[in-house]
PDB file of N, CA and C in Angstrom:
ATOM      1  N   MET A   1       0.844  -1.152  -0.027  1.00  0.00           N
ATOM      2  CA  MET A   1       0.001  -0.006  -0.012  1.00  0.00           C
ATOM      3  C   MET A   1       0.887   1.216  -0.015  1.00  0.00           C
ATOM      4  N   ASP A   2       0.646   2.127  -0.882  1.00  0.00           N
ATOM      5  CA  ASP A   2       1.432   3.364  -0.944  1.00  0.00           C
ATOM      6  C   ASP A   2       1.114   4.195   0.322  1.00  0.00           C
ATOM      7  N   GLU A   3       2.115   4.661   1.075  1.00  0.00           N
ATOM      8  CA  GLU A   3       1.912   5.341   2.304  1.00  0.00           C
ATOM      9  C   GLU A   3       1.066   6.592   2.143  1.00  0.00           C
ATOM     10  N   TYR A   4       1.134   7.145   0.912  1.00  0.00           N
ATOM     11  CA  TYR A   4       0.375   8.437   0.684  1.00  0.00           C
ATOM     12  C   TYR A   4      -1.104   8.206   0.561  1.00  0.00           C
ATOM     13  N   GLU A   5      -1.497   6.943   0.353  1.00  0.00           N
ATOM     14  CA  GLU A   5      -2.899   6.555   0.214  1.00  0.00           C
ATOM     15  C   GLU A   5      -3.482   6.094   1.491  1.00  0.00           C
ATOM     16  N   ILE A   6      -2.662   5.960   2.583  1.00  0.00           N
ATOM     17  CA  ILE A   6      -3.183   5.385   3.823  1.00  0.00           C
ATOM     18  C   ILE A   6      -3.755   6.484   4.704  1.00  0.00           C
ATOM     19  N   GLU A   7      -4.940   6.298   5.190  1.00  0.00           N
ATOM     20  CA  GLU A   7      -5.532   7.063   6.119  1.00  0.00           C
ATOM     21  C   GLU A   7      -5.982   6.276   7.287  1.00  0.00           C
ATOM     22  N   ALA A   8      -6.490   6.835   8.396  1.00  0.00           N
ATOM     23  CA  ALA A   8      -6.910   6.024   9.545  1.00  0.00           C
ATOM     24  C   ALA A   8      -8.140   6.723  10.191  1.00  0.00           C
ATOM     25  N   LEU A   9      -9.007   5.900  10.721  1.00  0.00           N
ATOM     26  CA  LEU A   9     -10.133   6.371  11.471  1.00  0.00           C
ATOM     27  C   LEU A   9     -10.271   5.682  12.787  1.00  0.00           C
ATOM     28  N   HIS A  10     -10.783   6.347  13.763  1.00  0.00           N
ATOM     29  CA  HIS A  10     -11.131   5.846  15.068  1.00  0.00           C
ATOM     30  C   HIS A  10     -12.650   5.775  15.184  1.00  0.00           C
ATOM     31  N   PHE A  11     -13.221   4.670  15.610  1.00  0.00           N
ATOM     32  CA  PHE A  11     -14.633   4.449  15.660  1.00  0.00           C
ATOM     33  C   PHE A  11     -15.042   4.279  17.167  1.00  0.00           C
ATOM     34  N   ALA A  12     -16.188   4.876  17.531  1.00  0.00           N
ATOM     35  CA  ALA A  12     -16.881   4.589  18.782  1.00  0.00           C
ATOM     36  C   ALA A  12     -18.308   4.312  18.458  1.00  0.00           C
ATOM     37  N   ILE A  13     -18.759   3.096  18.731  1.00  0.00           N
ATOM     38  CA  ILE A  13     -20.034   2.587  18.284  1.00  0.00           C
ATOM     39  C   ILE A  13     -20.871   2.198  19.462  1.00  0.00           C
ATOM     40  N   ARG A  14     -22.090   2.777  19.508  1.00  0.00           N
ATOM     41  CA  ARG A  14     -22.959   2.530  20.662  1.00  0.00           C
ATOM     42  C   ARG A  14     -24.271   1.940  20.212  1.00  0.00           C
ATOM     43  N   GLY A  15     -24.901   1.245  21.088  1.00  0.00           N
ATOM     44  CA  GLY A  15     -26.160   0.572  20.849  1.00  0.00           C
ATOM     45  C   GLY A  15     -26.160  -0.821  21.314  1.00  0.00           C
ATOM     46  N   ARG A  16     -26.883  -1.748  20.663  1.00  0.00           N
ATOM     47  CA  ARG A  16     -26.769  -3.155  20.968  1.00  0.00           C
ATOM     48  C   ARG A  16     -25.702  -3.727  20.120  1.00  0.00           C
ATOM     49  N   VAL A  17     -24.439  -3.577  20.570  1.00  0.00           N
ATOM     50  CA  VAL A  17     -23.297  -3.931  19.776  1.00  0.00           C
ATOM     51  C   VAL A  17     -22.338  -4.966  20.396  1.00  0.00           C
ATOM     52  N   GLN A  18     -22.728  -5.381  21.560  1.00  0.00           N
ATOM     53  CA  GLN A  18     -21.961  -6.473  22.208  1.00  0.00           C
ATOM     54  C   GLN A  18     -22.894  -7.695  22.314  1.00  0.00           C
ATOM     55  N   GLY A  19     -22.253  -8.887  22.154  1.00  0.00           N
ATOM     56  CA  GLY A  19     -23.009 -10.108  22.213  1.00  0.00           C
ATOM     57  C   GLY A  19     -23.841 -10.396  20.908  1.00  0.00           C
ATOM     58  N   VAL A  20     -23.480  -9.693  19.848  1.00  0.00           N
ATOM     59  CA  VAL A  20     -24.232  -9.854  18.550  1.00  0.00           C
ATOM     60  C   VAL A  20     -23.236 -10.118  17.390  1.00  0.00           C
ATOM     61  N   HIS A  21     -22.040 -10.531  17.737  1.00  0.00           N
ATOM     62  CA  HIS A  21     -20.999 -10.825  16.703  1.00  0.00           C
ATOM     63  C   HIS A  21     -20.526  -9.575  15.976  1.00  0.00           C
ATOM     64  N   PHE A  22     -20.655  -8.428  16.621  1.00  0.00           N
ATOM     65  CA  PHE A  22     -20.192  -7.196  15.958  1.00  0.00           C
ATOM     66  C   PHE A  22     -18.713  -7.277  15.685  1.00  0.00           C
ATOM     67  N   ARG A  23     -17.915  -7.595  16.668  1.00  0.00           N
ATOM     68  CA  ARG A  23     -16.444  -7.594  16.493  1.00  0.00           C
ATOM     69  C   ARG A  23     -16.000  -8.565  15.368  1.00  0.00           C
ATOM     70  N   ALA A  24     -16.489  -9.809  15.493  1.00  0.00           N
ATOM     71  CA  ALA A  24     -16.073 -10.824  14.408  1.00  0.00           C
ATOM     72  C   ALA A  24     -16.563 -10.402  13.096  1.00  0.00           C
ATOM     73  N   SER A  25     -17.752  -9.825  13.021  1.00  0.00           N
ATOM     74  CA  SER A  25     -18.261  -9.330  11.692  1.00  0.00           C
ATOM     75  C   SER A  25     -17.465  -8.157  11.196  1.00  0.00           C
ATOM     76  N   MET A  26     -17.020  -7.265  12.075  1.00  0.00           N
ATOM     77  CA  MET A  26     -16.232  -6.151  11.644  1.00  0.00           C
ATOM     78  C   MET A  26     -14.833  -6.611  11.184  1.00  0.00           C
ATOM     79  N   VAL A  27     -14.288  -7.619  11.823  1.00  0.00           N
ATOM     80  CA  VAL A  27     -12.987  -8.181  11.414  1.00  0.00           C
ATOM     81  C   VAL A  27     -13.093  -8.670   9.974  1.00  0.00           C
ATOM     82  N   ALA A  28     -14.133  -9.479   9.741  1.00  0.00           N
ATOM     83  CA  ALA A  28     -14.346 -10.010   8.390  1.00  0.00           C
ATOM     84  C   ALA A  28     -14.518  -8.922   7.351  1.00  0.00           C
ATOM     85  N   GLU A  29     -15.325  -7.943   7.663  1.00  0.00           N
ATOM     86  CA  GLU A  29     -15.586  -6.796   6.753  1.00  0.00           C
ATOM     87  C   GLU A  29     -14.309  -6.093   6.444  1.00  0.00           C
ATOM     88  N   ALA A  30     -13.580  -5.708   7.496  1.00  0.00           N
ATOM     89  CA  ALA A  30     -12.387  -4.911   7.314  1.00  0.00           C
ATOM     90  C   ALA A  30     -11.300  -5.711   6.556  1.00  0.00           C
ATOM     91  N   GLN A  31     -11.131  -6.998   6.868  1.00  0.00           N
ATOM     92  CA  GLN A  31     -10.226  -7.763   6.119  1.00  0.00           C
ATOM     93  C   GLN A  31     -10.560  -7.901   4.632  1.00  0.00           C
ATOM     94  N   GLY A  32     -11.807  -8.059   4.441  1.00  0.00           N
ATOM     95  CA  GLY A  32     -12.310  -8.115   3.017  1.00  0.00           C
ATOM     96  C   GLY A  32     -12.055  -6.799   2.252  1.00  0.00           C
ATOM     97  N   LEU A  33     -11.994  -5.711   2.963  1.00  0.00           N
ATOM     98  CA  LEU A  33     -11.754  -4.419   2.361  1.00  0.00           C
ATOM     99  C   LEU A  33     -10.245  -4.091   2.315  1.00  0.00           C
ATOM    100  N   GLY A  34      -9.456  -4.964   2.838  1.00  0.00           N
ATOM    101  CA  GLY A  34      -7.949  -4.749   2.767  1.00  0.00           C
ATOM    102  C   GLY A  34      -7.435  -3.828   3.856  1.00  0.00           C
ATOM    103  N   LEU A  35      -8.226  -3.616   4.922  1.00  0.00           N
ATOM    104  CA  LEU A  35      -7.858  -2.642   5.951  1.00  0.00           C
ATOM    105  C   LEU A  35      -7.065  -3.373   7.037  1.00  0.00           C
ATOM    106  N   THR A  36      -6.252  -2.583   7.823  1.00  0.00           N
ATOM    107  CA  THR A  36      -5.577  -3.092   9.011  1.00  0.00           C
ATOM    108  C   THR A  36      -6.109  -2.297  10.188  1.00  0.00           C
ATOM    109  N   GLY A  37      -5.921  -2.879  11.399  1.00  0.00           N
ATOM    110  CA  GLY A  37      -6.331  -2.240  12.590  1.00  0.00           C
ATOM    111  C   GLY A  37      -6.824  -3.212  13.620  1.00  0.00           C
ATOM    112  N   TRP A  38      -7.816  -2.764  14.438  1.00  0.00           N
ATOM    113  CA  TRP A  38      -8.366  -3.624  15.509  1.00  0.00           C
ATOM    114  C   TRP A  38      -9.725  -3.146  15.887  1.00  0.00           C
ATOM    115  N   VAL A  39     -10.415  -4.057  16.616  1.00  0.00           N
ATOM    116  CA  VAL A  39     -11.772  -3.733  17.195  1.00  0.00           C
ATOM    117  C   VAL A  39     -11.862  -4.408  18.533  1.00  0.00           C
ATOM    118  N   ARG A  40     -12.485  -3.728  19.520  1.00  0.00           N
ATOM    119  CA  ARG A  40     -12.669  -4.279  20.847  1.00  0.00           C
ATOM    120  C   ARG A  40     -13.908  -3.803  21.522  1.00  0.00           C
ATOM    121  N   ASN A  41     -14.376  -4.647  22.479  1.00  0.00           N
ATOM    122  CA  ASN A  41     -15.461  -4.199  23.314  1.00  0.00           C
ATOM    123  C   ASN A  41     -14.930  -3.228  24.353  1.00  0.00           C
ATOM    124  N   ARG A  42     -15.811  -2.375  24.851  1.00  0.00           N
ATOM    125  CA  ARG A  42     -15.459  -1.432  25.908  1.00  0.00           C
ATOM    126  C   ARG A  42     -16.322  -1.802  27.132  1.00  0.00           C
ATOM    127  N   GLY A  43     -15.820  -1.522  28.295  1.00  0.00           N
ATOM    128  CA  GLY A  43     -16.524  -1.844  29.523  1.00  0.00           C
ATOM    129  C   GLY A  43     -17.874  -1.233  29.681  1.00  0.00           C
ATOM    130  N   ASP A  44     -18.115  -0.108  28.931  1.00  0.00           N
ATOM    131  CA  ASP A  44     -19.346   0.598  28.962  1.00  0.00           C
ATOM    132  C   ASP A  44     -20.466   0.042  28.047  1.00  0.00           C
ATOM    133  N   GLY A  45     -20.132  -1.044  27.375  1.00  0.00           N
ATOM    134  CA  GLY A  45     -21.066  -1.643  26.427  1.00  0.00           C
ATOM    135  C   GLY A  45     -20.894  -1.193  24.971  1.00  0.00           C
ATOM    136  N   SER A  46     -20.011  -0.324  24.743  1.00  0.00           N
ATOM    137  CA  SER A  46     -19.772   0.122  23.368  1.00  0.00           C
ATOM    138  C   SER A  46     -18.673  -0.722  22.695  1.00  0.00           C
ATOM    139  N   VAL A  47     -18.454  -0.438  21.419  1.00  0.00           N
ATOM    140  CA  VAL A  47     -17.399  -1.043  20.675  1.00  0.00           C
ATOM    141  C   VAL A  47     -16.516   0.062  20.126  1.00  0.00           C
ATOM    142  N   GLU A  48     -15.207  -0.199  20.225  1.00  0.00           N
ATOM    143  CA  GLU A  48     -14.196   0.762  19.717  1.00  0.00           C
ATOM    144  C   GLU A  48     -13.384   0.120  18.630  1.00  0.00           C
ATOM    145  N   ALA A  49     -13.055   0.892  17.603  1.00  0.00           N
ATOM    146  CA  ALA A  49     -12.213   0.266  16.557  1.00  0.00           C
ATOM    147  C   ALA A  49     -11.274   1.387  15.947  1.00  0.00           C
ATOM    148  N   TYR A  50     -10.219   0.882  15.364  1.00  0.00           N
ATOM    149  CA  TYR A  50      -9.248   1.715  14.696  1.00  0.00           C
ATOM    150  C   TYR A  50      -8.917   0.999  13.406  1.00  0.00           C
ATOM    151  N   ALA A  51      -9.054   1.746  12.318  1.00  0.00           N
ATOM    152  CA  ALA A  51      -8.796   1.146  10.973  1.00  0.00           C
ATOM    153  C   ALA A  51      -7.874   2.051  10.113  1.00  0.00           C
ATOM    154  N   CYS A  52      -7.024   1.366   9.374  1.00  0.00           N
ATOM    155  CA  CYS A  52      -6.106   2.048   8.459  1.00  0.00           C
ATOM    156  C   CYS A  52      -6.251   1.463   7.084  1.00  0.00           C
ATOM    157  N   GLY A  53      -6.133   2.338   6.069  1.00  0.00           N
ATOM    158  CA  GLY A  53      -6.192   1.864   4.716  1.00  0.00           C
ATOM    159  C   GLY A  53      -6.540   2.941   3.759  1.00  0.00           C
ATOM    160  N   LYS A  54      -6.864   2.500   2.566  1.00  0.00           N
ATOM    161  CA  LYS A  54      -7.254   3.450   1.476  1.00  0.00           C
ATOM    162  C   LYS A  54      -8.618   4.149   1.836  1.00  0.00           C
ATOM    163  N   PRO A  55      -8.746   5.418   1.441  1.00  0.00           N
ATOM    164  CA  PRO A  55      -9.923   6.161   1.850  1.00  0.00           C
ATOM    165  C   PRO A  55     -11.262   5.503   1.363  1.00  0.00           C
ATOM    166  N   ALA A  56     -11.307   4.943   0.184  1.00  0.00           N
ATOM    167  CA  ALA A  56     -12.538   4.319  -0.315  1.00  0.00           C
ATOM    168  C   ALA A  56     -12.906   3.074   0.609  1.00  0.00           C
ATOM    169  N   ALA A  57     -11.920   2.328   1.004  1.00  0.00           N
ATOM    170  CA  ALA A  57     -12.130   1.144   1.885  1.00  0.00           C
ATOM    171  C   ALA A  57     -12.611   1.602   3.261  1.00  0.00           C
ATOM    172  N   LEU A  58     -12.032   2.690   3.776  1.00  0.00           N
ATOM    173  CA  LEU A  58     -12.467   3.270   5.054  1.00  0.00           C
ATOM    174  C   LEU A  58     -13.903   3.709   4.916  1.00  0.00           C
ATOM    175  N   ASP A  59     -14.250   4.415   3.844  1.00  0.00           N
ATOM    176  CA  ASP A  59     -15.608   4.875   3.699  1.00  0.00           C
ATOM    177  C   ASP A  59     -16.637   3.661   3.661  1.00  0.00           C
ATOM    178  N   ALA A  60     -16.181   2.578   3.058  1.00  0.00           N
ATOM    179  CA  ALA A  60     -17.089   1.377   3.023  1.00  0.00           C
ATOM    180  C   ALA A  60     -17.197   0.790   4.465  1.00  0.00           C
ATOM    181  N   LEU A  61     -16.132   0.800   5.292  1.00  0.00           N
ATOM    182  CA  LEU A  61     -16.241   0.301   6.611  1.00  0.00           C
ATOM    183  C   LEU A  61     -17.125   1.143   7.474  1.00  0.00           C
ATOM    184  N   VAL A  62     -17.075   2.495   7.255  1.00  0.00           N
ATOM    185  CA  VAL A  62     -17.916   3.418   8.026  1.00  0.00           C
ATOM    186  C   VAL A  62     -19.344   3.101   7.663  1.00  0.00           C
ATOM    187  N   ALA A  63     -19.670   2.908   6.390  1.00  0.00           N
ATOM    188  CA  ALA A  63     -21.083   2.608   5.951  1.00  0.00           C
ATOM    189  C   ALA A  63     -21.538   1.267   6.662  1.00  0.00           C
ATOM    190  N   TRP A  64     -20.611   0.264   6.689  1.00  0.00           N
ATOM    191  CA  TRP A  64     -20.984  -0.960   7.319  1.00  0.00           C
ATOM    192  C   TRP A  64     -21.224  -0.807   8.848  1.00  0.00           C
ATOM    193  N   ALA A  65     -20.306  -0.065   9.494  1.00  0.00           N
ATOM    194  CA  ALA A  65     -20.361   0.132  10.954  1.00  0.00           C
ATOM    195  C   ALA A  65     -21.573   0.946  11.433  1.00  0.00           C
ATOM    196  N   GLU A  66     -22.181   1.736  10.554  1.00  0.00           N
ATOM    197  CA  GLU A  66     -23.394   2.469  10.883  1.00  0.00           C
ATOM    198  C   GLU A  66     -24.576   1.529  10.981  1.00  0.00           C
ATOM    199  N   LYS A  67     -24.435   0.333  10.435  1.00  0.00           N
ATOM    200  CA  LYS A  67     -25.523  -0.657  10.511  1.00  0.00           C
ATOM    201  C   LYS A  67     -25.113  -1.869  11.340  1.00  0.00           C
ATOM    202  N   GLY A  68     -23.893  -2.323  11.115  1.00  0.00           N
ATOM    203  CA  GLY A  68     -23.352  -3.535  11.815  1.00  0.00           C
ATOM    204  C   GLY A  68     -23.992  -4.824  11.309  1.00  0.00           C
ATOM    205  N   PRO A  69     -23.737  -5.906  11.983  1.00  0.00           N
ATOM    206  CA  PRO A  69     -24.313  -7.257  11.525  1.00  0.00           C
ATOM    207  C   PRO A  69     -25.828  -7.264  11.837  1.00  0.00           C
ATOM    208  N   PRO A  70     -26.500  -8.292  11.283  1.00  0.00           N
ATOM    209  CA  PRO A  70     -27.938  -8.293  11.369  1.00  0.00           C
ATOM    210  C   PRO A  70     -28.525  -8.170  12.816  1.00  0.00           C
ATOM    211  N   ALA A  71     -27.853  -8.837  13.787  1.00  0.00           N
ATOM    212  CA  ALA A  71     -28.398  -8.779  15.202  1.00  0.00           C
ATOM    213  C   ALA A  71     -28.133  -7.545  15.926  1.00  0.00           C
ATOM    214  N   ALA A  72     -27.291  -6.694  15.363  1.00  0.00           N
ATOM    215  CA  ALA A  72     -26.935  -5.454  16.058  1.00  0.00           C
ATOM    216  C   ALA A  72     -27.953  -4.357  15.934  1.00  0.00           C
ATOM    217  N   ARG A  73     -27.908  -3.386  16.827  1.00  0.00           N
ATOM    218  CA  ARG A  73     -28.694  -2.158  16.673  1.00  0.00           C
ATOM    219  C   ARG A  73     -27.731  -1.015  16.953  1.00  0.00           C
ATOM    220  N   VAL A  74     -27.296  -0.303  15.938  1.00  0.00           N
ATOM    221  CA  VAL A  74     -26.343   0.781  16.106  1.00  0.00           C
ATOM    222  C   VAL A  74     -27.143   2.086  16.354  1.00  0.00           C
ATOM    223  N   ASP A  75     -26.961   2.637  17.505  1.00  0.00           N
ATOM    224  CA  ASP A  75     -27.646   3.924  17.890  1.00  0.00           C
ATOM    225  C   ASP A  75     -26.733   5.107  17.504  1.00  0.00           C
ATOM    226  N   GLU A  76     -25.441   4.925  17.602  1.00  0.00           N
ATOM    227  CA  GLU A  76     -24.461   5.984  17.325  1.00  0.00           C
ATOM    228  C   GLU A  76     -23.190   5.416  16.792  1.00  0.00           C
ATOM    229  N   CYS A  77     -22.638   5.966  15.744  1.00  0.00           N
ATOM    230  CA  CYS A  77     -21.344   5.572  15.209  1.00  0.00           C
ATOM    231  C   CYS A  77     -20.556   6.850  15.001  1.00  0.00           C
ATOM    232  N   SER A  78     -19.699   7.185  15.949  1.00  0.00           N
ATOM    233  CA  SER A  78     -18.854   8.335  15.835  1.00  0.00           C
ATOM    234  C   SER A  78     -17.527   7.890  15.176  1.00  0.00           C
ATOM    235  N   VAL A  79     -17.112   8.695  14.260  1.00  0.00           N
ATOM    236  CA  VAL A  79     -15.851   8.423  13.461  1.00  0.00           C
ATOM    237  C   VAL A  79     -15.036   9.669  13.491  1.00  0.00           C
ATOM    238  N   ALA A  80     -13.779   9.496  13.865  1.00  0.00           N
ATOM    239  CA  ALA A  80     -12.833  10.672  13.867  1.00  0.00           C
ATOM    240  C   ALA A  80     -11.519  10.258  13.172  1.00  0.00           C
ATOM    241  N   PRO A  81     -10.900  11.241  12.434  1.00  0.00           N
ATOM    242  CA  PRO A  81      -9.620  10.948  11.792  1.00  0.00           C
ATOM    243  C   PRO A  81      -8.588  10.560  12.892  1.00  0.00           C
ATOM    244  N   ALA A  82      -7.656   9.719  12.515  1.00  0.00           N
ATOM    245  CA  ALA A  82      -6.593   9.313  13.441  1.00  0.00           C
ATOM    246  C   ALA A  82      -5.283   9.240  12.558  1.00  0.00           C
ATOM    247  N   GLU A  83      -4.204   9.107  13.313  1.00  0.00           N
ATOM    248  CA  GLU A  83      -2.927   8.966  12.670  1.00  0.00           C
ATOM    249  C   GLU A  83      -2.728   7.517  12.206  1.00  0.00           C
ATOM    250  N   ALA A  84      -2.305   7.301  10.928  1.00  0.00           N
ATOM    251  CA  ALA A  84      -2.155   6.016  10.377  1.00  0.00           C
ATOM    252  C   ALA A  84      -0.976   5.292  10.983  1.00  0.00           C
ATOM    253  N   ASP A  85      -1.093   4.003  11.185  1.00  0.00           N
ATOM    254  CA  ASP A  85      -0.017   3.153  11.685  1.00  0.00           C
ATOM    255  C   ASP A  85       0.352   2.179  10.571  1.00  0.00           C
ATOM    256  N   ALA A  86       1.368   2.450   9.738  1.00  0.00           N
ATOM    257  CA  ALA A  86       1.700   1.633   8.614  1.00  0.00           C
ATOM    258  C   ALA A  86       2.355   0.339   9.086  1.00  0.00           C
ATOM    259  N   ALA A  87       2.682   0.213  10.341  1.00  0.00           N
ATOM    260  CA  ALA A  87       3.232  -1.054  10.857  1.00  0.00           C
ATOM    261  C   ALA A  87       2.219  -2.209  11.025  1.00  0.00           C
ATOM    262  N   LEU A  88       0.976  -1.858  11.116  1.00  0.00           N
ATOM    263  CA  LEU A  88      -0.074  -2.892  11.281  1.00  0.00           C
ATOM    264  C   LEU A  88      -0.156  -3.757  10.080  1.00  0.00           C
ATOM    265  N   GLN A  89      -0.296  -5.071  10.293  1.00  0.00           N
ATOM    266  CA  GLN A  89      -0.342  -6.036   9.208  1.00  0.00           C
ATOM    267  C   GLN A  89      -1.677  -6.663   9.014  1.00  0.00           C
ATOM    268  N   ASP A  90      -2.643  -6.549   9.905  1.00  0.00           N
ATOM    269  CA  ASP A  90      -3.884  -7.265   9.823  1.00  0.00           C
ATOM    270  C   ASP A  90      -4.959  -6.501  10.584  1.00  0.00           C
ATOM    271  N   PHE A  91      -6.195  -6.964  10.515  1.00  0.00           N
ATOM    272  CA  PHE A  91      -7.279  -6.347  11.230  1.00  0.00           C
ATOM    273  C   PHE A  91      -7.734  -7.459  12.240  1.00  0.00           C
ATOM    274  N   THR A  92      -7.657  -7.215  13.544  1.00  0.00           N
ATOM    275  CA  THR A  92      -7.944  -8.212  14.557  1.00  0.00           C
ATOM    276  C   THR A  92      -8.818  -7.698  15.658  1.00  0.00           C
ATOM    277  N   GLN A  93      -9.281  -8.679  16.481  1.00  0.00           N
ATOM    278  CA  GLN A  93      -9.970  -8.347  17.731  1.00  0.00           C
ATOM    279  C   GLN A  93      -8.854  -8.250  18.789  1.00  0.00           C
ATOM    280  N   VAL A  94      -9.014  -7.242  19.700  1.00  0.00           N
ATOM    281  CA  VAL A  94      -8.080  -7.090  20.805  1.00  0.00           C
ATOM    282  C   VAL A  94      -8.907  -7.119  22.110  1.00  0.00           C
ATOM    283  N   ALA A  95      -8.205  -7.212  23.191  1.00  0.00           N
ATOM    284  CA  ALA A  95      -8.833  -7.349  24.531  1.00  0.00           C
ATOM    285  C   ALA A  95      -9.737  -6.163  24.837  1.00  0.00           C
ATOM    286  N   THR A  96     -10.798  -6.464  25.614  1.00  0.00           N
ATOM    287  CA  THR A  96     -11.724  -5.483  26.120  1.00  0.00           C
ATOM    288  C   THR A  96     -11.049  -4.583  27.082  1.00  0.00           C
ATOM    289  N   VAL A  97     -11.459  -3.289  27.030  1.00  0.00           N
ATOM    290  CA  VAL A  97     -10.961  -2.307  27.996  1.00  0.00           C
ATOM    291  C   VAL A  97     -12.125  -1.667  28.732  1.00  0.00           C
TER     292      VAL A  97
END
């Protein structure tokens, strides 16, 4: 990936997003889009994610995250620009915080 094409986003997703396969579904979606980063549950019941990649792929992940998997109910999906981490090699689930 050309480093000049890499952007990054930080996601904060609220609603019924835990216990509905949100993280596993987001991993599959992000990997399919060629993104790197991570997703995790938060102790407050929300899901947090960080994704790096090409802008069009990030836009597609935002569109997906605003709906989530079928069992989810997304009430709020806040997305903010972040600094890209070119060292990331994959998109994975990480430990809850």
